[in-house]
Amino acid sequence: MSVLVHAIVMLGMFVVVPTGLRLTGLRELDRIRGLWPLFAVPGALALWLPRGPAATALAACYALGALLLALHAPRRAVRGRTLDPPAIALITALVAPAVAALALVAERSGHELFGFGLGILALTVPHFHFAGFAAALVAGLVCRVSDGPAGRFAALSVPLGTLLVLVGYFVGDWAELAGALVLTAGMWTVGLLTWRLGRAEDRDRTTRLLLLTSAGVLVATMLLALSWALGEATGLPHPSLAWMAATHGLGNALGFALCSLLAWRRIRSTHPEGRTS
């Protein structure tokens, strides 16, 4: 499982985060996006080294980049006249890699942060690259072009669900289940709106395929997330963490996040004036 998880994390570090930053359309993020490989390369190397000082130091380099990115979140909150749903989704996306990086540093050092085992910390790293950064960013993008309550619900419920899942790590399995329910509702709304965007008559074939794939994958992957959270809370049979990484994790990384971001990159190439905030 570790090889698969490491590969998914590297996809998040090298592709998802820099592509997502470009899609924000924010010039203030151009510098950190240009410097991002200087943080991502050490972070990726840390994944493959044995736990210890060297891996911890390399993970800390990635954490520095994630922290610099997170520092843009309060600036966006202060500058914005109103914190509308897309802005809240964007702020969530900017902070999420820092949570992943903190978990990476702790796991690579062999330290059970806040009482969480090393296995959970290892899975927290991809979770906050994809369910945190990518999901919140895409929810904000969808909300910008989907005027109506569904778009606003998606842009608010994805950040809220992500936060509730994080709180559930500390409070207990039932709180985590509540977070999974909110996050699933938000992600399925993102999927529905993405499906509608993919069905638009003016979409080219490749963009349409990417959007429809992204929407369809969310149905299955979030059902898996619900089954796991329900099983953890009630003791009912549910998939193992290894199975979740190979299905839910891989599906969200490739089927949802990568396809969504590639589709939005194609959309932005034809409509470069669009912005997320």
Protein backbone atom coordinates (compact mmCIF):
# COMPACT_ATOMS: atom_id res chain seq x y z
CA MET A 1 0.00 0.00 0.00
CA SER A 2 2.85 2.43 0.78
CA VAL A 3 4.07 2.46 -2.83
CA LEU A 4 0.59 3.33 -4.11
CA VAL A 5 0.09 6.02 -1.47
CA HIS A 6 3.49 7.55 -2.24
CA ALA A 7 2.67 7.65 -5.95
CA ILE A 8 -0.66 9.35 -5.25
CA VAL A 9 1.02 11.90 -2.99
CA MET A 10 3.61 12.68 -5.68
CA LEU A 11 0.80 13.31 -8.15
CA GLY A 12 -0.64 15.78 -5.69
CA MET A 13 2.69 17.49 -5.10
CA PHE A 14 3.89 17.78 -8.70
CA VAL A 15 0.67 18.08 -10.71
CA VAL A 16 -2.44 18.84 -8.67
CA VAL A 17 -1.15 21.70 -6.52
CA PRO A 18 0.70 23.69 -9.25
CA THR A 19 -2.11 23.12 -11.77
CA GLY A 20 -4.66 24.21 -9.21
CA LEU A 21 -2.68 27.33 -8.35
CA ARG A 22 -2.61 28.30 -12.01
CA LEU A 23 -6.38 27.84 -12.21
CA THR A 24 -6.98 30.33 -9.41
CA GLY A 25 -5.95 33.10 -11.80
CA LEU A 26 -4.35 34.94 -8.87
CA ARG A 27 -1.15 36.72 -9.83
CA GLU A 28 -0.07 36.85 -6.19
CA LEU A 29 0.37 33.06 -6.32
CA ASP A 30 2.59 33.10 -9.41
CA ARG A 31 5.82 33.36 -7.41
CA ILE A 32 5.09 30.45 -5.09
CA ARG A 33 3.86 28.40 -8.05
CA GLY A 34 7.17 29.06 -9.80
CA LEU A 35 9.09 28.03 -6.69
CA TRP A 36 6.88 25.03 -5.96
CA PRO A 37 9.25 22.40 -7.49
CA LEU A 38 11.90 23.48 -4.97
CA PHE A 39 9.52 22.32 -2.23
CA ALA A 40 7.91 19.37 -4.02
CA VAL A 41 11.16 17.61 -4.97
CA PRO A 42 12.41 17.31 -1.36
CA GLY A 43 8.92 16.34 -0.24
CA ALA A 44 8.78 13.55 -2.81
CA LEU A 45 12.24 12.30 -1.85
CA ALA A 46 11.16 12.19 1.80
CA LEU A 47 8.45 9.69 0.92
CA TRP A 48 10.95 7.07 -0.26
CA LEU A 49 13.60 7.38 2.43
CA PRO A 50 13.45 5.44 5.71
CA ARG A 51 11.95 7.35 8.60
CA GLY A 52 14.57 9.46 10.32
CA PRO A 53 16.34 12.84 10.35
CA ALA A 54 17.03 12.96 6.58
CA ALA A 55 13.42 12.19 5.62
CA THR A 56 12.15 14.61 8.26
CA ALA A 57 14.36 17.44 6.99
CA LEU A 58 13.20 16.90 3.40
CA ALA A 59 9.56 16.77 4.51
CA ALA A 60 10.13 20.03 6.39
CA CYS A 61 11.20 21.65 3.11
CA TYR A 62 7.84 20.74 1.64
CA ALA A 63 6.12 21.99 4.78
CA LEU A 64 7.82 25.36 4.31
CA GLY A 65 6.30 25.70 0.82
CA ALA A 66 2.89 24.62 2.09
CA LEU A 67 3.12 27.15 4.92
CA LEU A 68 3.98 29.96 2.50
CA LEU A 69 0.93 28.97 0.48
CA ALA A 70 -1.30 28.86 3.56
CA LEU A 71 -0.19 32.38 4.53
CA HIS A 72 -2.04 33.65 1.47
CA ALA A 73 -5.34 32.45 2.98
CA PRO A 74 -5.69 35.18 5.65
CA ARG A 75 -4.56 37.76 3.09
CA ARG A 76 -7.40 36.69 0.79
CA ALA A 77 -9.84 36.83 3.72
CA VAL A 78 -8.75 40.36 4.66
CA ARG A 79 -8.69 41.68 1.09
CA GLY A 80 -12.08 40.27 0.13
CA ARG A 81 -14.95 42.64 0.71
CA THR A 82 -17.22 39.67 1.27
CA LEU A 83 -16.36 36.06 1.96
CA ASP A 84 -18.64 34.51 -0.64
CA PRO A 85 -18.76 30.70 -1.05
CA PRO A 86 -16.11 30.53 -3.83
CA ALA A 87 -13.74 32.61 -1.71
CA ILE A 88 -14.26 30.29 1.27
CA ALA A 89 -13.56 27.29 -0.95
CA LEU A 90 -10.38 28.92 -2.25
CA ILE A 91 -9.14 29.75 1.25
CA THR A 92 -9.74 26.12 2.25
CA ALA A 93 -7.72 24.94 -0.73
CA LEU A 94 -4.81 27.22 0.16
CA VAL A 95 -4.64 25.87 3.72
CA ALA A 96 -5.12 22.16 2.97
CA PRO A 97 -1.54 21.39 1.76
CA ALA A 98 -0.19 22.71 5.08
CA VAL A 99 -2.26 20.11 6.96
CA ALA A 100 -0.92 17.43 4.62
CA ALA A 101 2.64 18.68 5.10
CA LEU A 102 2.34 18.67 8.90
CA ALA A 103 1.20 15.05 8.76
CA LEU A 104 4.08 14.24 6.41
CA VAL A 105 6.70 15.72 8.73
CA ALA A 106 5.29 13.87 11.73
CA GLU A 107 5.03 10.56 9.87
CA ARG A 108 8.54 10.79 8.38
CA SER A 109 9.96 11.53 11.84
CA GLY A 110 8.13 8.55 13.32
CA HIS A 111 6.18 10.78 15.69
CA GLU A 112 2.54 9.92 16.42
CA LEU A 113 1.12 13.43 16.16
CA PHE A 114 -1.87 14.14 18.45
CA GLY A 115 -2.02 10.42 19.19
CA PHE A 116 -2.61 9.39 15.56
CA GLY A 117 -0.71 6.34 14.37
CA LEU A 118 1.82 6.56 11.57
CA GLY A 119 -0.53 4.73 9.17
CA ILE A 120 -3.28 7.31 9.63
CA LEU A 121 -0.80 10.16 9.25
CA ALA A 122 0.49 8.64 6.00
CA LEU A 123 -3.05 8.58 4.61
CA THR A 124 -3.74 12.11 5.83
CA VAL A 125 -1.12 13.40 3.38
CA PRO A 126 -2.97 12.37 0.18
CA HIS A 127 -6.35 13.08 1.77
CA PHE A 128 -5.60 16.77 2.21
CA HIS A 129 -4.04 17.08 -1.23
CA PHE A 130 -7.15 15.72 -2.93
CA ALA A 131 -10.17 15.88 -0.57
CA GLY A 132 -8.75 19.13 0.77
CA PHE A 133 -6.96 21.13 -1.91
CA ALA A 134 -8.37 19.70 -5.15
CA ALA A 135 -11.95 19.19 -3.98
CA ALA A 136 -12.27 22.67 -2.45
CA LEU A 137 -10.67 24.32 -5.48
CA VAL A 138 -12.94 22.53 -7.95
CA ALA A 139 -15.99 23.30 -5.80
CA GLY A 140 -15.09 26.99 -5.99
CA LEU A 141 -14.57 26.83 -9.75
CA VAL A 142 -17.90 25.11 -10.25
CA CYS A 143 -19.66 27.63 -8.04
CA ARG A 144 -18.26 30.53 -10.08
CA VAL A 145 -19.87 29.28 -13.28
CA SER A 146 -23.00 27.68 -11.78
CA ASP A 147 -25.17 30.51 -10.53
CA GLY A 148 -27.67 29.22 -8.00
CA PRO A 149 -28.04 27.51 -4.61
CA ALA A 150 -26.45 24.24 -5.78
CA GLY A 151 -23.17 25.93 -6.62
CA ARG A 152 -23.12 27.82 -3.33
CA PHE A 153 -23.94 24.64 -1.43
CA ALA A 154 -21.05 22.80 -3.11
CA ALA A 155 -18.56 25.60 -2.38
CA LEU A 156 -19.57 25.69 1.30
CA SER A 157 -20.22 22.04 2.08
CA VAL A 158 -16.90 20.74 0.72
CA PRO A 159 -14.83 22.96 3.05
CA LEU A 160 -17.23 22.29 5.94
CA GLY A 161 -17.15 18.54 5.35
CA THR A 162 -13.35 18.56 5.16
CA LEU A 163 -13.18 20.47 8.44
CA LEU A 164 -15.67 18.13 10.13
CA VAL A 165 -13.69 15.07 9.00
CA LEU A 166 -10.56 16.64 10.50
CA VAL A 167 -12.39 17.40 13.75
CA GLY A 168 -13.70 13.85 13.73
CA TYR A 169 -10.13 12.59 13.98
CA PHE A 170 -10.07 14.14 17.46
CA VAL A 171 -13.67 13.83 18.59
CA GLY A 172 -14.54 10.32 17.45
CA ASP A 173 -15.94 8.12 14.71
CA TRP A 174 -19.48 9.53 14.81
CA ALA A 175 -18.22 13.06 14.24
CA GLU A 176 -16.09 11.75 11.40
CA LEU A 177 -19.18 10.08 9.93
CA ALA A 178 -21.05 13.40 10.11
CA GLY A 179 -18.17 15.03 8.25
CA ALA A 180 -18.19 12.27 5.65
CA LEU A 181 -21.94 12.82 5.10
CA VAL A 182 -21.50 16.57 4.59
CA LEU A 183 -18.44 16.10 2.38
CA THR A 184 -20.21 13.45 0.29
CA ALA A 185 -23.24 15.70 -0.20
CA GLY A 186 -20.94 18.49 -1.33
CA MET A 187 -18.89 16.30 -3.63
CA TRP A 188 -21.97 14.76 -5.23
CA THR A 189 -23.26 18.28 -5.84
CA VAL A 190 -19.92 19.14 -7.44
CA GLY A 191 -20.31 16.00 -9.52
CA LEU A 192 -23.84 16.94 -10.62
CA LEU A 193 -22.80 20.44 -11.65
CA THR A 194 -19.70 19.07 -13.37
CA TRP A 195 -21.89 16.63 -15.29
CA ARG A 196 -24.07 19.51 -16.47
CA LEU A 197 -20.98 21.43 -17.57
CA GLY A 198 -19.79 18.39 -19.49
CA ARG A 199 -23.12 18.08 -21.27
CA ALA A 200 -22.99 21.65 -22.58
CA GLU A 201 -23.27 21.77 -26.35
CA ASP A 202 -20.20 23.95 -26.86
CA ARG A 203 -17.82 21.51 -25.12
CA ASP A 204 -15.14 19.85 -27.21
CA ARG A 205 -14.94 16.07 -26.99
CA THR A 206 -11.84 15.85 -24.77
CA THR A 207 -13.09 18.40 -22.24
CA ARG A 208 -16.49 16.73 -22.20
CA LEU A 209 -14.92 13.32 -21.52
CA LEU A 210 -12.78 14.69 -18.70
CA LEU A 211 -15.72 16.43 -17.03
CA LEU A 212 -18.07 13.46 -17.33
CA THR A 213 -15.41 11.06 -16.06
CA SER A 214 -14.75 13.29 -13.08
CA ALA A 215 -18.45 13.48 -12.23
CA GLY A 216 -19.05 9.76 -12.64
CA VAL A 217 -16.07 8.73 -10.52
CA LEU A 218 -17.32 10.79 -7.58
CA VAL A 219 -20.44 8.65 -7.27
CA ALA A 220 -18.41 5.53 -6.57
CA THR A 221 -15.55 7.00 -4.57
CA MET A 222 -17.76 8.91 -2.15
CA LEU A 223 -19.95 5.84 -1.61
CA LEU A 224 -16.77 4.06 -0.54
CA ALA A 225 -15.94 6.94 1.81
CA LEU A 226 -19.39 6.72 3.37
CA SER A 227 -19.20 2.94 3.79
CA TRP A 228 -15.83 3.22 5.51
CA ALA A 229 -16.94 6.01 7.87
CA LEU A 230 -20.18 4.18 8.68
CA GLY A 231 -18.29 0.98 9.38
CA GLU A 232 -15.83 2.75 11.65
CA ALA A 233 -18.66 4.35 13.64
CA THR A 234 -20.95 1.31 13.92
CA GLY A 235 -18.64 -1.67 13.65
CA LEU A 236 -20.38 -2.89 10.50
CA PRO A 237 -18.19 -4.60 7.86
CA HIS A 238 -16.38 -2.04 5.73
CA PRO A 239 -13.37 -1.80 3.42
CA SER A 240 -9.88 -1.91 4.86
CA LEU A 241 -7.55 1.07 4.64
CA ALA A 242 -5.51 -0.72 2.00
CA TRP A 243 -8.63 -1.30 -0.09
CA MET A 244 -9.69 2.32 0.40
CA ALA A 245 -6.31 3.55 -0.83
CA ALA A 246 -6.52 1.34 -3.92
CA THR A 247 -10.11 2.33 -4.77
CA HIS A 248 -11.30 5.53 -3.14
CA GLY A 249 -7.85 7.13 -3.05
CA LEU A 250 -6.76 6.18 -6.54
CA GLY A 251 -10.18 6.99 -8.01
CA ASN A 252 -10.28 10.44 -6.44
CA ALA A 253 -6.70 11.18 -7.49
CA LEU A 254 -6.92 10.10 -11.13
CA GLY A 255 -10.63 10.03 -11.91
CA PHE A 256 -11.76 13.13 -10.05
CA ALA A 257 -8.89 15.51 -9.28
CA LEU A 258 -6.68 14.99 -12.32
CA CYS A 259 -9.56 14.85 -14.80
CA SER A 260 -11.25 17.89 -13.26
CA LEU A 261 -8.12 20.03 -13.25
CA LEU A 262 -7.21 19.06 -16.80
CA ALA A 263 -10.74 19.88 -17.92
CA TRP A 264 -10.67 23.26 -16.20
CA ARG A 265 -7.26 23.97 -17.69
CA ARG A 266 -8.75 23.39 -21.14
CA ILE A 267 -11.76 25.57 -20.28
CA ARG A 268 -9.49 28.35 -19.06
CA SER A 269 -7.37 28.14 -22.22
CA THR A 270 -10.43 29.14 -24.22
CA HIS A 271 -11.79 31.57 -21.62
CA PRO A 272 -8.67 33.02 -19.96
CA GLU A 273 -10.57 35.88 -18.41
CA GLY A 274 -12.32 33.56 -15.94
CA ARG A 275 -11.21 33.70 -12.31
CA THR A 276 -12.11 31.82 -9.14
CA SER A 277 -12.38 34.92 -6.97
